[in-house]
Amino acid sequence: MTLTLALTLLLSVLIGISLGLLGGGGSILTVPILTYVAGMNPKEAIAASLFVVGATSAVSAVTHARKKRVQWRTGLVFGAAGMAGAFGGGLLGGHIPGTILMIAFALMMVATSLAMIRGRKNHTGATHDAELPVFKVIIEGLVVGLVTGLVGAGGGFLVVPALALLGGLSMPVAVGTSLVVIAMKSFAGLGGYLTTVSLDWVLVGGVTAAAILGSFLGARLAGRIPEAALRKGFGFFVLAMGVFVLVQELPSPANLIMGLTATAIATAAALCWFAIPACPLRRTSLGSPATTTATEAH
């Protein structure tokens, strides 16, 4: 086993841990790992990430289903619409230059990180059998699926809030249901990409196995780390990664300076959040509802 392959597999465990803890974030890590560590071109990395995240989400969804945290009616309708959008996005993505796809992916990372840092409401009053607004869920599924298929991102961190708001699901059920949706639309997006892209299935299989292992580790960690603290810290990390990808794809001197500065700021903020108890960033988010909802993630 080469050093590059070993590092790729080690980092792939983080993909599953992210899905296990937060119900999302897999593609945010998978595409950069496959592009900058494993050496895949952007289109191959996006296509491979759809398989890795889809398979890992499917395995994680089984655990949620056993604990009665999947709303099948909502999930299947949202997932079916997401599959149609994802397949179209995958077809379209196969004909777009890799640099443009990576820039779009980086912008999605930045948007996702800001949503994570801002936080989300805990809909404690939602029920497992909430009424399903079919038309809105179909439209939302098409849009989210299109984004997922096109750039390999926008999974759980878009699906979970959509299910909580549109489907009226509690956060634990929204997370479990989102994994079903992510699996469905990831495989549909992969189908679109495979019309123009071929993959190294040995490498993809190894990364998938490592990610599934990570999902089990994430399940064990869930409940031991305050969800709000974990989400915010991961948000700062995703922000730094998004800026890093932009720097890699837009390597002009001005962008390099701005990117390095922004990366340094985001990294410092993340370190402050995790390592300094008196960090000012903690004061606005560790309220009583958020910190008691670690089970939202898994």
Protein backbone atom coordinates (compact mmCIF):
# COMPACT_ATOMS: atom_id res chain seq x y z
CA MET A 1 0.00 0.00 0.00
CA THR A 2 1.45 3.33 -1.05
CA LEU A 3 1.58 6.32 1.28
CA THR A 4 -0.94 8.19 -0.89
CA LEU A 5 -3.44 5.33 -0.78
CA ALA A 6 -3.00 4.90 2.97
CA LEU A 7 -3.57 8.62 3.54
CA THR A 8 -6.63 8.57 1.27
CA LEU A 9 -8.19 5.68 3.19
CA LEU A 10 -7.37 7.25 6.56
CA LEU A 11 -8.97 10.54 5.58
CA SER A 12 -11.95 8.66 4.15
CA VAL A 13 -12.86 7.53 7.66
CA LEU A 14 -13.68 11.19 8.34
CA ILE A 15 -16.35 11.05 5.62
CA GLY A 16 -18.30 8.42 7.53
CA ILE A 17 -17.73 10.10 10.90
CA SER A 18 -19.24 13.29 9.48
CA LEU A 19 -22.31 11.45 8.19
CA GLY A 20 -22.66 9.53 11.45
CA LEU A 21 -22.44 12.61 13.65
CA LEU A 22 -24.16 15.29 11.56
CA GLY A 23 -26.24 13.47 8.96
CA GLY A 24 -24.31 15.26 6.21
CA GLY A 25 -20.97 16.64 5.14
CA GLY A 26 -19.77 13.51 3.36
CA SER A 27 -19.35 15.05 -0.08
CA ILE A 28 -17.78 18.17 1.41
CA LEU A 29 -14.87 15.97 2.48
CA THR A 30 -14.93 13.33 -0.26
CA VAL A 31 -14.36 15.54 -3.30
CA PRO A 32 -11.26 17.36 -1.92
CA ILE A 33 -9.81 14.08 -0.62
CA LEU A 34 -10.20 12.33 -3.97
CA THR A 35 -9.02 15.36 -5.95
CA TYR A 36 -6.03 16.61 -3.96
CA VAL A 37 -4.91 13.44 -2.15
CA ALA A 38 -5.90 10.55 -4.41
CA GLY A 39 -5.16 12.57 -7.58
CA MET A 40 -8.46 12.08 -9.40
CA ASN A 41 -9.58 14.69 -11.89
CA PRO A 42 -12.56 16.77 -10.71
CA LYS A 43 -15.22 14.93 -12.71
CA GLU A 44 -14.01 11.52 -11.51
CA ALA A 45 -13.83 12.80 -7.92
CA ILE A 46 -17.39 14.12 -8.02
CA ALA A 47 -18.71 10.91 -9.57
CA ALA A 48 -16.82 8.76 -7.05
CA SER A 49 -18.03 10.91 -4.16
CA LEU A 50 -21.62 10.23 -5.20
CA PHE A 51 -21.04 6.48 -4.87
CA VAL A 52 -19.10 6.75 -1.58
CA VAL A 53 -21.65 9.04 0.07
CA GLY A 54 -24.59 7.09 -1.35
CA ALA A 55 -23.35 3.73 -0.07
CA THR A 56 -22.36 5.13 3.34
CA SER A 57 -25.71 6.88 3.73
CA ALA A 58 -27.58 3.69 2.83
CA VAL A 59 -25.76 1.75 5.55
CA SER A 60 -26.35 4.51 8.11
CA ALA A 61 -30.04 4.69 7.13
CA VAL A 62 -30.49 1.05 8.16
CA THR A 63 -29.49 1.93 11.72
CA HIS A 64 -31.94 4.84 11.79
CA ALA A 65 -34.74 2.69 10.37
CA ARG A 66 -34.27 0.11 13.12
CA LYS A 67 -34.71 2.92 15.66
CA LYS A 68 -37.89 4.15 13.94
CA ARG A 69 -36.24 7.39 12.79
CA VAL A 70 -37.17 7.21 9.10
CA GLN A 71 -40.38 8.72 7.65
CA TRP A 72 -40.63 6.54 4.58
CA ARG A 73 -43.44 8.39 2.81
CA THR A 74 -41.68 11.75 2.96
CA GLY A 75 -38.28 10.23 2.24
CA LEU A 76 -39.38 8.29 -0.83
CA VAL A 77 -41.24 11.23 -2.40
CA PHE A 78 -38.36 13.64 -1.71
CA GLY A 79 -35.84 11.02 -2.80
CA ALA A 80 -37.66 10.23 -6.06
CA ALA A 81 -37.73 13.93 -6.98
CA GLY A 82 -34.10 14.24 -5.91
CA MET A 83 -33.13 11.29 -8.12
CA ALA A 84 -34.61 12.98 -11.18
CA GLY A 85 -32.78 16.23 -10.41
CA ALA A 86 -29.55 14.42 -9.56
CA PHE A 87 -29.54 12.37 -12.76
CA GLY A 88 -30.02 15.55 -14.78
CA GLY A 89 -27.27 17.27 -12.82
CA GLY A 90 -24.95 14.33 -13.41
CA LEU A 91 -25.62 14.40 -17.15
CA LEU A 92 -24.98 18.15 -17.24
CA GLY A 93 -21.88 17.96 -15.05
CA GLY A 94 -20.23 15.49 -17.39
CA HIS A 95 -20.07 18.19 -20.06
CA ILE A 96 -18.87 21.11 -17.89
CA PRO A 97 -15.12 21.87 -17.51
CA GLY A 98 -13.63 20.47 -14.31
CA THR A 99 -12.37 23.86 -13.12
CA ILE A 100 -15.86 25.34 -13.26
CA LEU A 101 -17.26 22.35 -11.35
CA MET A 102 -14.62 22.72 -8.63
CA ILE A 103 -15.30 26.46 -8.31
CA ALA A 104 -19.02 25.71 -7.99
CA PHE A 105 -18.21 23.03 -5.43
CA ALA A 106 -16.08 25.47 -3.42
CA LEU A 107 -18.89 28.04 -3.41
CA MET A 108 -21.26 25.33 -2.18
CA MET A 109 -18.78 24.56 0.62
CA VAL A 110 -18.72 28.21 1.67
CA ALA A 111 -22.53 28.42 1.65
CA THR A 112 -22.79 25.17 3.61
CA SER A 113 -20.25 26.33 6.18
CA LEU A 114 -22.14 29.57 6.80
CA ALA A 115 -25.37 27.61 7.31
CA MET A 116 -23.62 25.31 9.78
CA ILE A 117 -22.04 28.18 11.71
CA ARG A 118 -25.38 29.99 11.89
CA GLY A 119 -27.11 26.87 13.21
CA ARG A 120 -30.62 25.56 12.78
CA LYS A 121 -33.80 25.48 14.82
CA ASN A 122 -34.80 22.37 16.68
CA HIS A 123 -38.39 21.58 15.79
CA THR A 124 -39.27 19.81 19.01
CA GLY A 125 -42.96 19.98 18.28
CA ALA A 126 -42.73 18.09 15.00
CA THR A 127 -44.10 14.61 14.78
CA HIS A 128 -43.09 11.44 13.03
CA ASP A 129 -46.28 11.30 10.95
CA ALA A 130 -46.54 14.93 9.91
CA GLU A 131 -48.72 15.85 6.93
CA LEU A 132 -46.78 15.73 3.68
CA PRO A 133 -46.90 18.85 1.44
CA VAL A 134 -46.26 16.82 -1.71
CA PHE A 135 -45.81 19.62 -4.26
CA LYS A 136 -43.33 21.62 -2.15
CA VAL A 137 -41.35 18.49 -1.28
CA ILE A 138 -41.14 17.51 -4.97
CA ILE A 139 -39.88 20.98 -5.99
CA GLU A 140 -37.37 21.04 -3.14
CA GLY A 141 -36.23 17.53 -4.02
CA LEU A 142 -35.67 18.45 -7.67
CA VAL A 143 -33.60 21.52 -6.77
CA VAL A 144 -31.49 19.79 -4.12
CA GLY A 145 -31.03 16.78 -6.39
CA LEU A 146 -29.86 18.97 -9.27
CA VAL A 147 -27.22 20.61 -7.04
CA THR A 148 -26.10 17.22 -5.71
CA GLY A 149 -25.79 15.65 -9.14
CA LEU A 150 -24.01 18.65 -10.62
CA VAL A 151 -21.27 19.28 -8.06
CA GLY A 152 -21.49 16.25 -5.78
CA ALA A 153 -22.46 18.40 -2.78
CA GLY A 154 -25.51 19.73 -1.02
CA GLY A 155 -26.66 16.54 0.66
CA GLY A 156 -27.59 16.35 4.31
CA PHE A 157 -27.06 20.02 5.15
CA LEU A 158 -29.73 20.95 2.59
CA VAL A 159 -32.00 17.92 2.97
CA VAL A 160 -32.29 17.90 6.77
CA PRO A 161 -33.60 21.49 7.10
CA ALA A 162 -35.91 20.93 4.12
CA LEU A 163 -37.43 17.83 5.70
CA ALA A 164 -37.79 19.55 9.06
CA LEU A 165 -39.49 22.62 7.58
CA LEU A 166 -41.46 21.15 4.66
CA GLY A 167 -42.21 17.70 6.04
CA GLY A 168 -42.71 18.82 9.65
CA LEU A 169 -40.36 16.12 10.95
CA SER A 170 -38.48 16.22 14.23
CA MET A 171 -34.73 16.63 13.81
CA PRO A 172 -33.79 12.99 14.64
CA VAL A 173 -36.36 11.71 12.12
CA ALA A 174 -35.31 14.36 9.58
CA VAL A 175 -31.69 13.19 9.83
CA GLY A 176 -32.64 9.51 9.47
CA THR A 177 -34.93 10.25 6.54
CA SER A 178 -32.30 12.46 4.90
CA LEU A 179 -29.90 9.51 4.71
CA VAL A 180 -32.46 7.61 2.62
CA VAL A 181 -32.84 10.64 0.35
CA ILE A 182 -29.06 11.14 0.07
CA ALA A 183 -28.55 7.49 -0.90
CA MET A 184 -31.26 7.63 -3.57
CA LYS A 185 -30.16 10.83 -5.26
CA SER A 186 -26.44 10.08 -4.96
CA PHE A 187 -26.82 6.88 -6.97
CA ALA A 188 -28.99 8.70 -9.50
CA GLY A 189 -26.36 11.41 -9.91
CA LEU A 190 -23.72 8.72 -10.29
CA GLY A 191 -25.75 7.18 -13.10
CA GLY A 192 -25.70 10.50 -14.94
CA TYR A 193 -21.93 10.87 -14.56
CA LEU A 194 -21.17 7.30 -15.63
CA THR A 195 -22.40 8.15 -19.13
CA THR A 196 -19.22 10.23 -19.59
CA VAL A 197 -16.85 9.24 -16.75
CA SER A 198 -15.13 5.95 -15.83
CA LEU A 199 -13.92 5.17 -12.30
CA ASP A 200 -11.20 3.14 -10.60
CA TRP A 201 -13.60 0.89 -8.71
CA VAL A 202 -10.89 -0.69 -6.57
CA LEU A 203 -9.96 2.70 -5.14
CA VAL A 204 -13.60 3.77 -4.87
CA GLY A 205 -14.44 0.53 -3.06
CA GLY A 206 -11.62 1.05 -0.57
CA VAL A 207 -12.69 4.62 0.14
CA THR A 208 -16.29 3.47 0.57
CA ALA A 209 -15.32 0.74 3.04
CA ALA A 210 -13.29 3.24 5.07
CA ALA A 211 -16.19 5.71 5.07
CA ILE A 212 -18.65 3.04 6.24
CA LEU A 213 -16.26 2.19 9.07
CA GLY A 214 -16.19 5.87 9.95
CA SER A 215 -20.00 5.99 10.03
CA PHE A 216 -19.99 3.35 12.78
CA LEU A 217 -17.43 5.40 14.71
CA GLY A 218 -19.61 8.46 14.25
CA ALA A 219 -22.58 6.56 15.67
CA ARG A 220 -20.57 5.75 18.79
CA LEU A 221 -19.47 9.37 19.19
CA ALA A 222 -22.99 10.75 18.72
CA GLY A 223 -24.38 11.94 22.01
CA ARG A 224 -20.95 12.46 23.59
CA ILE A 225 -20.20 15.74 21.81
CA PRO A 226 -22.60 18.72 22.00
CA GLU A 227 -24.19 18.95 18.55
CA ALA A 228 -24.02 22.75 18.39
CA ALA A 229 -20.30 22.84 19.22
CA LEU A 230 -19.49 20.06 16.76
CA ARG A 231 -21.53 21.65 13.98
CA LYS A 232 -19.95 25.07 14.41
CA GLY A 233 -16.41 23.73 14.60
CA PHE A 234 -16.99 21.62 11.50
CA GLY A 235 -18.50 24.67 9.81
CA PHE A 236 -15.29 26.64 10.27
CA PHE A 237 -13.32 23.69 8.91
CA VAL A 238 -15.57 23.47 5.84
CA LEU A 239 -15.15 27.23 5.31
CA ALA A 240 -11.36 26.84 5.34
CA MET A 241 -11.58 23.91 2.91
CA GLY A 242 -13.82 25.89 0.56
CA VAL A 243 -11.35 28.76 0.47
CA PHE A 244 -8.51 26.27 -0.09
CA VAL A 245 -10.28 24.79 -3.12
CA LEU A 246 -10.89 28.28 -4.54
CA VAL A 247 -7.20 29.07 -4.11
CA GLN A 248 -6.25 25.86 -5.92
CA GLU A 249 -8.58 26.58 -8.84
CA LEU A 250 -7.92 30.35 -9.07
CA PRO A 251 -4.16 30.60 -8.46
CA SER A 252 -3.63 34.29 -9.29
CA PRO A 253 -1.40 36.21 -6.80
CA ALA A 254 -4.32 38.31 -5.50
CA ASN A 255 -6.56 35.27 -4.99
CA LEU A 256 -3.71 33.39 -3.35
CA ILE A 257 -3.13 36.17 -0.80
CA MET A 258 -6.84 36.56 -0.11
CA GLY A 259 -7.36 32.82 0.10
CA LEU A 260 -4.48 32.24 2.49
CA THR A 261 -5.67 35.10 4.70
CA ALA A 262 -9.22 33.79 4.80
CA THR A 263 -7.98 30.26 5.46
CA ALA A 264 -5.83 31.48 8.35
CA ILE A 265 -8.78 33.37 9.84
CA ALA A 266 -11.14 30.40 9.50
CA THR A 267 -8.56 28.00 10.98
CA ALA A 268 -7.88 30.36 13.89
CA ALA A 269 -11.60 30.61 14.54
CA ALA A 270 -11.95 26.83 14.58
CA LEU A 271 -9.00 26.47 16.95
CA CYS A 272 -10.48 29.16 19.19
CA TRP A 273 -13.79 27.33 19.22
CA PHE A 274 -12.35 23.95 20.19
CA ALA A 275 -9.33 24.87 22.34
CA ILE A 276 -10.24 28.07 24.24
CA PRO A 277 -13.11 27.80 26.75
CA ALA A 278 -13.50 31.60 26.86
CA CYS A 279 -13.61 31.96 23.07
CA PRO A 280 -16.08 34.76 22.15
CA LEU A 281 -17.47 32.60 19.33
CA ARG A 282 -18.99 30.26 21.92
CA ARG A 283 -21.15 32.88 23.58
CA THR A 284 -23.78 33.16 20.89
CA SER A 285 -24.56 29.53 20.17
CA LEU A 286 -24.28 27.20 23.12
CA GLY A 287 -27.81 27.83 24.30
CA SER A 288 -29.81 25.21 26.11
CA PRO A 289 -31.84 23.75 23.18
CA ALA A 290 -28.96 23.31 20.75
CA THR A 291 -26.52 21.67 23.11
CA THR A 292 -28.98 19.01 24.11
CA THR A 293 -29.70 17.76 20.63
CA ALA A 294 -26.68 15.67 19.85
CA THR A 295 -29.00 12.84 18.89
CA GLU A 296 -30.11 14.92 15.91
CA ALA A 297 -26.99 13.81 14.12
CA HIS A 298 -27.56 10.09 14.33
